[in-house]
């Protein structure tokens, strides 16, 4: 995927997140009291100038336009296969975020005065839910999950922890596998391992890929193979897949085998993926070793990952519940992404006149 496509999608994500988080902030007195002078000035400008939201939107739209193609054929040949420069992408995203932030402030400032103005925020995306991410049982941060009107695909931004489940060398009884054995559960409560009838983890035999290692399991599996066969499961070291909390996935209509697209805002890299495993109910933002490698993220399941800056776009109902080859994942993912892009009408914001939603995003489906 080209850099300008990533910028286009990042613009949508940033627009949605800015407005969603802005509306959360505007609903709490404490946060409004702690607002900085810049936010206050922006609201004053919007209030005093009715044309400010339109002007700010036009500035933001200009930043979303794809870069002009390089006219020098030699330069094109040299850069065709090169990864987009991280520094330039970061600069573009920061500038875009500033534009979108100003737009969001104008929308929020005009929200009380003009019901029609709320449609401008709605065209950036519907807030489906705020996922409360936790760490060691304590709330860490809320991650808005949204979608574009008329689309079932949902998106969010978070970090990425690395999942090695499904790899035949993921876990070893002596804790020498790709991942820490503690991440597979504990005796009597194994979650990332295939188990026998007594609940004991299965160890690979001499004819298996990694004799002596545990058989590591994933939610997505080839049901035609025995449960003790390591190849039944999706190999995290080879297949790019995302991990979603089970409850959230069910709520949004996604199931293992559906397709996804991921983007790394820091370096401009992207990858198609499949929904391959179910994770903890209170954690979001996880991907396989292979997915991390595609995105240019440190792929060590023990110490790798990224704290923020990974965009996820998931297509519920797009799979058949079965593992897929990399070629199939790429082909299906590309078709879904192109269809999703084509479904975004250029004049969506001016044509759409939805009813005002109630506080707490009760109007979102």
Protein backbone atom coordinates (compact mmCIF):
# COMPACT_ATOMS: atom_id res chain seq x y z
CA UNK A 1 0.00 0.00 0.00
CA UNK A 2 1.29 3.44 -0.92
CA UNK A 3 2.16 6.17 1.55
CA UNK A 4 -0.68 8.42 0.37
CA UNK A 5 -3.21 5.62 0.99
CA UNK A 6 -1.91 5.23 4.53
CA UNK A 7 -2.15 8.99 5.04
CA UNK A 8 -5.72 8.93 3.72
CA UNK A 9 -6.74 6.21 6.14
CA UNK A 10 -4.79 7.76 9.00
CA UNK A 11 -6.70 10.99 8.38
CA UNK A 12 -9.99 9.19 8.96
CA UNK A 13 -8.70 7.53 12.11
CA UNK A 14 -7.30 10.79 13.46
CA UNK A 15 -10.48 12.69 12.62
CA UNK A 16 -12.66 10.16 14.37
CA UNK A 17 -10.41 9.83 17.44
CA UNK A 18 -10.06 13.58 17.81
CA UNK A 19 -13.81 14.20 17.70
CA UNK A 20 -14.66 11.16 19.87
CA UNK A 21 -12.15 12.05 22.55
CA UNK A 22 -13.09 15.71 22.30
CA UNK A 23 -16.73 14.94 23.01
CA UNK A 24 -15.71 12.83 25.99
CA UNK A 25 -13.68 15.70 27.35
CA UNK A 26 -16.43 18.24 26.81
CA UNK A 27 -18.86 16.16 28.89
CA UNK A 28 -16.81 16.32 32.11
CA UNK A 29 -16.49 19.46 34.23
CA UNK A 30 -13.09 18.54 35.58
CA UNK A 31 -11.55 18.22 32.16
CA UNK A 32 -13.14 21.41 30.93
CA UNK A 33 -11.71 23.30 33.93
CA UNK A 34 -8.27 21.87 33.16
CA UNK A 35 -8.46 22.82 29.44
CA UNK A 36 -5.51 24.73 28.07
CA UNK A 37 -5.60 28.27 26.69
CA UNK A 38 -5.24 27.03 23.12
CA UNK A 39 -8.50 25.10 23.35
CA UNK A 40 -10.24 28.12 24.91
CA UNK A 41 -9.02 30.44 22.18
CA UNK A 42 -10.16 28.02 19.48
CA UNK A 43 -13.65 27.86 20.94
CA UNK A 44 -13.80 31.65 21.11
CA UNK A 45 -12.72 31.89 17.48
CA UNK A 46 -15.39 29.40 16.44
CA UNK A 47 -18.05 31.19 18.43
CA UNK A 48 -17.19 34.59 17.01
CA UNK A 49 -16.72 33.42 13.45
CA UNK A 50 -19.53 31.25 12.04
CA UNK A 51 -17.36 30.38 9.05
CA UNK A 52 -14.52 29.03 11.21
CA UNK A 53 -15.65 25.36 11.13
CA UNK A 54 -15.86 25.46 7.33
CA UNK A 55 -12.48 27.16 7.00
CA UNK A 56 -10.85 24.73 9.39
CA UNK A 57 -12.39 21.77 7.56
CA UNK A 58 -11.08 23.09 4.25
CA UNK A 59 -7.59 23.33 5.73
CA UNK A 60 -7.85 19.79 7.04
CA UNK A 61 -9.12 18.52 3.70
CA UNK A 62 -6.13 20.08 1.95
CA UNK A 63 -3.80 18.16 4.25
CA UNK A 64 -5.58 14.89 3.37
CA UNK A 65 -4.89 15.24 -0.36
CA UNK A 66 -2.38 12.67 -1.62
CA UNK A 67 1.08 13.98 -2.51
CA UNK A 68 1.74 14.89 -6.14
CA UNK A 69 3.46 12.13 -8.13
CA UNK A 70 7.20 12.44 -8.81
CA UNK A 71 7.80 13.56 -12.34
CA UNK A 72 11.38 12.28 -12.61
CA UNK A 73 11.29 8.66 -13.95
CA UNK A 74 14.70 7.97 -12.42
CA UNK A 75 13.55 9.06 -8.99
CA UNK A 76 10.42 6.96 -9.38
CA UNK A 77 12.46 3.86 -10.16
CA UNK A 78 14.72 4.44 -7.18
CA UNK A 79 11.86 4.94 -4.73
CA UNK A 80 9.24 2.50 -6.05
CA UNK A 81 10.22 -0.31 -3.73
CA UNK A 82 11.51 1.81 -0.86
CA UNK A 83 9.59 2.16 2.38
CA UNK A 84 8.13 5.64 3.00
CA UNK A 85 10.41 7.87 5.03
CA UNK A 86 9.36 7.75 8.67
CA UNK A 87 10.32 11.36 9.33
CA UNK A 88 8.20 12.74 6.50
CA UNK A 89 5.23 10.58 7.45
CA UNK A 90 5.42 11.69 11.07
CA UNK A 91 5.53 15.32 9.98
CA UNK A 92 2.52 14.84 7.72
CA UNK A 93 0.55 13.07 10.44
CA UNK A 94 1.42 15.72 13.05
CA UNK A 95 0.33 18.51 10.72
CA UNK A 96 -2.82 16.62 9.81
CA UNK A 97 -3.60 15.99 13.48
CA UNK A 98 -3.23 19.71 14.21
CA UNK A 99 -5.69 20.52 11.41
CA UNK A 100 -8.15 17.88 12.56
CA UNK A 101 -7.80 19.02 16.18
CA UNK A 102 -8.74 22.54 15.17
CA UNK A 103 -11.67 21.17 13.20
CA UNK A 104 -12.84 19.12 16.19
CA UNK A 105 -12.68 22.16 18.48
CA UNK A 106 -14.79 24.15 16.04
CA UNK A 107 -17.31 21.33 15.84
CA UNK A 108 -17.51 21.06 19.62
CA UNK A 109 -17.76 24.81 20.09
CA UNK A 110 -20.63 25.05 17.59
CA UNK A 111 -22.36 21.90 18.85
CA UNK A 112 -24.76 23.72 21.16
CA UNK A 113 -25.45 26.53 18.71
CA UNK A 114 -26.01 24.51 15.51
CA UNK A 115 -27.62 21.03 15.42
CA UNK A 116 -26.61 20.65 11.77
CA UNK A 117 -22.98 21.07 12.72
CA UNK A 118 -23.08 17.75 14.58
CA UNK A 119 -23.41 16.02 11.21
CA UNK A 120 -19.88 17.21 10.43
CA UNK A 121 -18.58 15.15 13.33
CA UNK A 122 -20.81 12.22 12.46
CA UNK A 123 -19.38 11.97 8.97
CA UNK A 124 -15.98 11.30 10.52
CA UNK A 125 -17.27 8.10 12.10
CA UNK A 126 -19.73 6.57 14.53
CA UNK A 127 -18.46 5.83 18.02
CA UNK A 128 -19.44 2.21 18.68
CA UNK A 129 -17.92 1.92 22.13
CA UNK A 130 -15.09 3.04 24.36
CA UNK A 131 -12.97 0.02 25.20
CA UNK A 132 -11.53 0.29 28.71
CA UNK A 133 -8.02 -1.15 28.51
CA UNK A 134 -6.65 -2.37 31.84
CA UNK A 135 -3.22 -3.24 33.17
CA UNK A 136 -2.89 -5.47 36.22
CA UNK A 137 -6.60 -4.97 36.84
CA UNK A 138 -6.37 -1.17 36.90
CA UNK A 139 -7.91 1.08 34.21
CA UNK A 140 -5.21 2.28 31.82
CA UNK A 141 -7.00 4.23 29.10
CA UNK A 142 -10.13 4.27 26.97
CA UNK A 143 -9.75 3.34 23.32
CA UNK A 144 -12.56 4.55 21.05
CA UNK A 145 -13.83 1.96 18.57
CA UNK A 146 -15.59 3.44 15.57
CA UNK A 147 -16.82 2.90 12.06
CA UNK A 148 -17.88 4.98 9.10
CA UNK A 149 -21.62 5.41 8.53
CA UNK A 150 -23.00 2.64 6.38
CA UNK A 151 -20.02 0.33 6.95
CA UNK A 152 -19.69 -2.67 9.26
CA UNK A 153 -15.87 -2.41 9.35
CA UNK A 154 -14.64 -1.02 12.66
CA UNK A 155 -11.35 0.66 13.49
CA UNK A 156 -9.24 1.77 16.43
CA UNK A 157 -5.72 2.90 17.31
CA UNK A 158 -3.57 1.33 20.00
CA UNK A 159 -0.21 -0.29 20.54
CA UNK A 160 0.70 -3.88 19.72
CA UNK A 161 1.84 -6.66 22.00
CA UNK A 162 3.29 -9.72 20.30
CA UNK A 163 1.50 -13.06 20.24
CA UNK A 164 3.44 -16.26 19.53
CA UNK A 165 0.48 -18.62 19.97
CA UNK A 166 0.11 -21.26 17.28
CA UNK A 167 3.84 -21.36 16.56
CA UNK A 168 5.13 -24.90 17.22
CA UNK A 169 8.05 -23.49 19.23
CA UNK A 170 5.98 -20.95 21.18
CA UNK A 171 6.09 -22.68 24.59
CA UNK A 172 8.38 -25.18 26.28
CA UNK A 173 8.09 -26.85 29.71
CA UNK A 174 11.45 -25.28 30.62
CA UNK A 175 10.23 -21.85 29.47
CA UNK A 176 12.67 -21.70 26.56
CA UNK A 177 10.09 -21.08 23.82
CA UNK A 178 9.39 -17.93 21.86
CA UNK A 179 7.09 -16.64 24.57
CA UNK A 180 7.03 -16.74 28.35
CA UNK A 181 5.15 -19.81 29.53
CA UNK A 182 3.18 -17.63 31.92
CA UNK A 183 1.37 -16.16 28.91
CA UNK A 184 -0.07 -19.60 28.15
CA UNK A 185 -1.77 -19.80 31.53
CA UNK A 186 -1.07 -21.77 34.67
CA UNK A 187 -1.45 -25.46 35.65
CA UNK A 188 -5.13 -26.24 35.69
CA UNK A 189 -5.93 -23.04 33.74
CA UNK A 190 -3.98 -23.40 30.48
CA UNK A 191 -5.36 -21.09 27.79
CA UNK A 192 -2.74 -20.98 25.03
CA UNK A 193 -2.04 -24.72 24.88
CA UNK A 194 -3.81 -27.73 23.41
CA UNK A 195 -5.00 -30.02 26.23
CA UNK A 196 -5.95 -33.65 26.59
CA UNK A 197 -9.15 -34.96 28.18
CA UNK A 198 -7.68 -34.44 31.65
CA UNK A 199 -6.79 -30.82 30.97
CA UNK A 200 -3.06 -31.52 30.72
CA UNK A 201 -1.06 -29.72 28.01
CA UNK A 202 0.01 -31.86 25.08
CA UNK A 203 3.73 -32.19 24.32
CA UNK A 204 4.90 -32.69 20.75
CA UNK A 205 6.28 -36.10 19.83
CA UNK A 206 9.29 -37.12 17.74
CA UNK A 207 7.42 -36.72 14.44
CA UNK A 208 6.16 -33.21 15.24
CA UNK A 209 7.92 -29.95 14.22
CA UNK A 210 9.41 -29.28 17.70
CA UNK A 211 9.59 -32.43 19.83
CA UNK A 212 9.41 -31.64 23.54
CA UNK A 213 7.60 -28.33 23.04
CA UNK A 214 3.96 -27.85 23.94
CA UNK A 215 1.33 -27.82 21.20
CA UNK A 216 0.30 -24.17 21.14
CA UNK A 217 -3.32 -23.49 20.20
CA UNK A 218 -5.20 -20.56 18.61
CA UNK A 219 -8.90 -19.78 18.41
CA UNK A 220 -8.77 -20.06 14.62
CA UNK A 221 -8.02 -23.67 13.71
CA UNK A 222 -8.30 -26.24 10.96
CA UNK A 223 -11.03 -28.46 12.45
CA UNK A 224 -10.24 -31.23 9.98
CA UNK A 225 -7.00 -32.00 11.85
CA UNK A 226 -6.62 -33.66 15.27
CA UNK A 227 -6.48 -31.32 18.28
CA UNK A 228 -2.99 -32.61 19.14
CA UNK A 229 -1.62 -31.78 15.68
CA UNK A 230 0.53 -28.59 15.84
CA UNK A 231 -0.42 -27.75 12.24
CA UNK A 232 -4.10 -27.53 13.22
CA UNK A 233 -3.47 -24.04 14.56
CA UNK A 234 -2.42 -20.73 12.97
CA UNK A 235 1.37 -20.34 13.21
CA UNK A 236 2.09 -16.87 14.62
CA UNK A 237 5.62 -16.97 13.24
CA UNK A 238 4.35 -17.32 9.66
CA UNK A 239 0.82 -15.91 9.42
CA UNK A 240 0.00 -12.23 10.08
CA UNK A 241 -2.97 -12.21 12.42
CA UNK A 242 -4.63 -9.90 14.92
CA UNK A 243 -5.91 -10.80 18.37
CA UNK A 244 -9.21 -9.38 19.65
CA UNK A 245 -10.97 -9.60 23.03
CA UNK A 246 -13.70 -12.21 22.72
CA UNK A 247 -16.51 -10.12 24.18
CA UNK A 248 -15.78 -7.08 22.05
CA UNK A 249 -15.43 -9.20 18.91
CA UNK A 250 -18.83 -10.81 19.48
CA UNK A 251 -20.44 -7.46 20.21
CA UNK A 252 -19.17 -6.04 16.91
CA UNK A 253 -19.92 -9.16 14.86
CA UNK A 254 -16.34 -10.31 14.26
CA UNK A 255 -15.27 -13.92 14.51
CA UNK A 256 -11.96 -15.74 14.00
CA UNK A 257 -11.23 -16.02 10.30
CA UNK A 258 -12.36 -12.49 9.41
CA UNK A 259 -9.90 -10.18 7.68
CA UNK A 260 -8.19 -7.00 8.82
CA UNK A 261 -5.72 -4.34 7.72
CA UNK A 262 -3.11 -2.79 9.99
CA UNK A 263 -0.96 0.33 9.64
CA UNK A 264 2.12 1.52 11.48
CA UNK A 265 1.97 5.32 11.65
CA UNK A 266 5.62 5.61 12.66
CA UNK A 267 7.19 4.10 9.55
CA UNK A 268 4.35 3.95 7.03
CA UNK A 269 4.34 0.15 6.79
CA UNK A 270 1.11 -1.80 6.50
CA UNK A 271 -0.07 -5.39 6.38
CA UNK A 272 -3.17 -7.40 5.67
CA UNK A 273 -4.08 -9.82 8.44
CA UNK A 274 -6.62 -12.36 9.64
CA UNK A 275 -8.42 -12.50 12.99
CA UNK A 276 -6.53 -15.50 14.36
CA UNK A 277 -6.82 -15.58 18.13
CA UNK A 278 -8.89 -14.37 21.08
CA UNK A 279 -7.17 -12.46 23.87
CA UNK A 280 -7.98 -11.22 27.39
CA UNK A 281 -11.24 -9.33 27.85
CA UNK A 282 -9.47 -6.19 29.10
CA UNK A 283 -6.63 -5.88 26.56
CA UNK A 284 -6.70 -4.67 22.98
CA UNK A 285 -3.92 -4.23 20.44
CA UNK A 286 -2.15 -7.53 19.82
CA UNK A 287 -0.70 -9.18 16.73
CA UNK A 288 1.28 -12.21 15.68
CA UNK A 289 5.05 -12.37 15.30
CA UNK A 290 4.65 -12.35 11.52
CA UNK A 291 2.37 -9.30 11.61
CA UNK A 292 4.87 -7.39 13.75
CA UNK A 293 7.62 -8.19 11.26
CA UNK A 294 5.48 -6.92 8.38
CA UNK A 295 4.90 -3.66 10.25
CA UNK A 296 8.53 -3.15 11.16
CA UNK A 297 7.86 -3.69 14.88
CA UNK A 298 10.21 -5.61 17.15
CA UNK A 299 8.68 -9.09 16.94
CA UNK A 300 10.11 -10.65 20.11
CA UNK A 301 7.11 -12.11 21.95
CA UNK A 302 8.84 -11.56 25.29
CA UNK A 303 10.15 -8.03 24.87
CA UNK A 304 8.89 -6.65 21.56
CA UNK A 305 5.85 -4.68 20.47
CA UNK A 306 4.81 -1.04 20.19
CA UNK A 307 3.14 1.17 22.78
CA UNK A 308 1.05 3.23 20.36
CA UNK A 309 0.64 4.27 16.76
CA UNK A 310 -0.84 1.09 15.24
CA UNK A 311 -4.09 1.45 13.32
CA UNK A 312 -6.44 -1.52 13.03
CA UNK A 313 -9.29 -1.89 10.51
CA UNK A 314 -11.37 -5.08 10.93
CA UNK A 315 -14.03 -6.41 8.54
CA UNK A 316 -16.67 -8.42 10.48
CA UNK A 317 -18.26 -11.32 8.62
CA UNK A 318 -15.63 -11.33 5.88
CA UNK A 319 -14.10 -14.75 6.58
CA UNK A 320 -15.26 -18.36 6.53
CA UNK A 321 -14.00 -19.40 9.97
CA UNK A 322 -11.01 -21.27 8.56
CA UNK A 323 -7.27 -20.57 8.43
CA UNK A 324 -6.03 -19.01 5.19
CA UNK A 325 -2.75 -18.85 3.33
CA UNK A 326 -0.79 -15.60 3.16
CA UNK A 327 -1.78 -15.25 -0.49
CA UNK A 328 -5.47 -15.57 0.38
CA UNK A 329 -5.17 -13.10 3.25
CA UNK A 330 -3.52 -10.53 0.99
CA UNK A 331 -5.98 -11.00 -1.86
CA UNK A 332 -9.09 -10.87 0.34
CA UNK A 333 -7.74 -8.01 2.42
CA UNK A 334 -6.98 -5.95 -0.64
CA UNK A 335 -10.47 -6.41 -2.06
CA UNK A 336 -12.08 -5.47 1.24
CA UNK A 337 -9.92 -2.39 1.67
CA UNK A 338 -10.65 -1.18 -1.86
CA UNK A 339 -14.38 -1.70 -1.37
CA UNK A 340 -14.25 0.15 1.95
CA UNK A 341 -12.43 3.10 0.38
CA UNK A 342 -14.85 3.17 -2.55
CA UNK A 343 -17.81 3.31 -0.14
CA UNK A 344 -16.67 6.68 1.25
CA UNK A 345 -18.50 9.33 -0.79
CA UNK A 346 -16.52 12.56 -1.34
CA UNK A 347 -19.53 14.67 -0.35
CA UNK A 348 -20.56 12.54 2.61
CA UNK A 349 -20.29 15.42 5.07
CA UNK A 350 -22.47 17.79 3.07
CA UNK A 351 -25.02 15.17 2.02
CA UNK A 352 -25.51 13.49 5.39
CA UNK A 353 -27.97 15.10 7.81
CA UNK A 354 -28.37 12.62 10.70
CA UNK A 355 -30.41 13.31 13.79
CA UNK A 356 -28.51 14.55 16.83
CA UNK A 357 -27.33 11.69 19.03
CA UNK A 358 -27.85 11.75 22.77
CA UNK A 359 -25.08 12.11 25.33
CA UNK A 360 -22.97 9.02 25.76
CA UNK A 361 -23.23 8.12 22.06
CA UNK A 362 -26.53 6.36 22.66
CA UNK A 363 -27.41 6.88 19.02
CA UNK A 364 -24.55 4.69 17.79
CA UNK A 365 -25.43 1.14 16.84
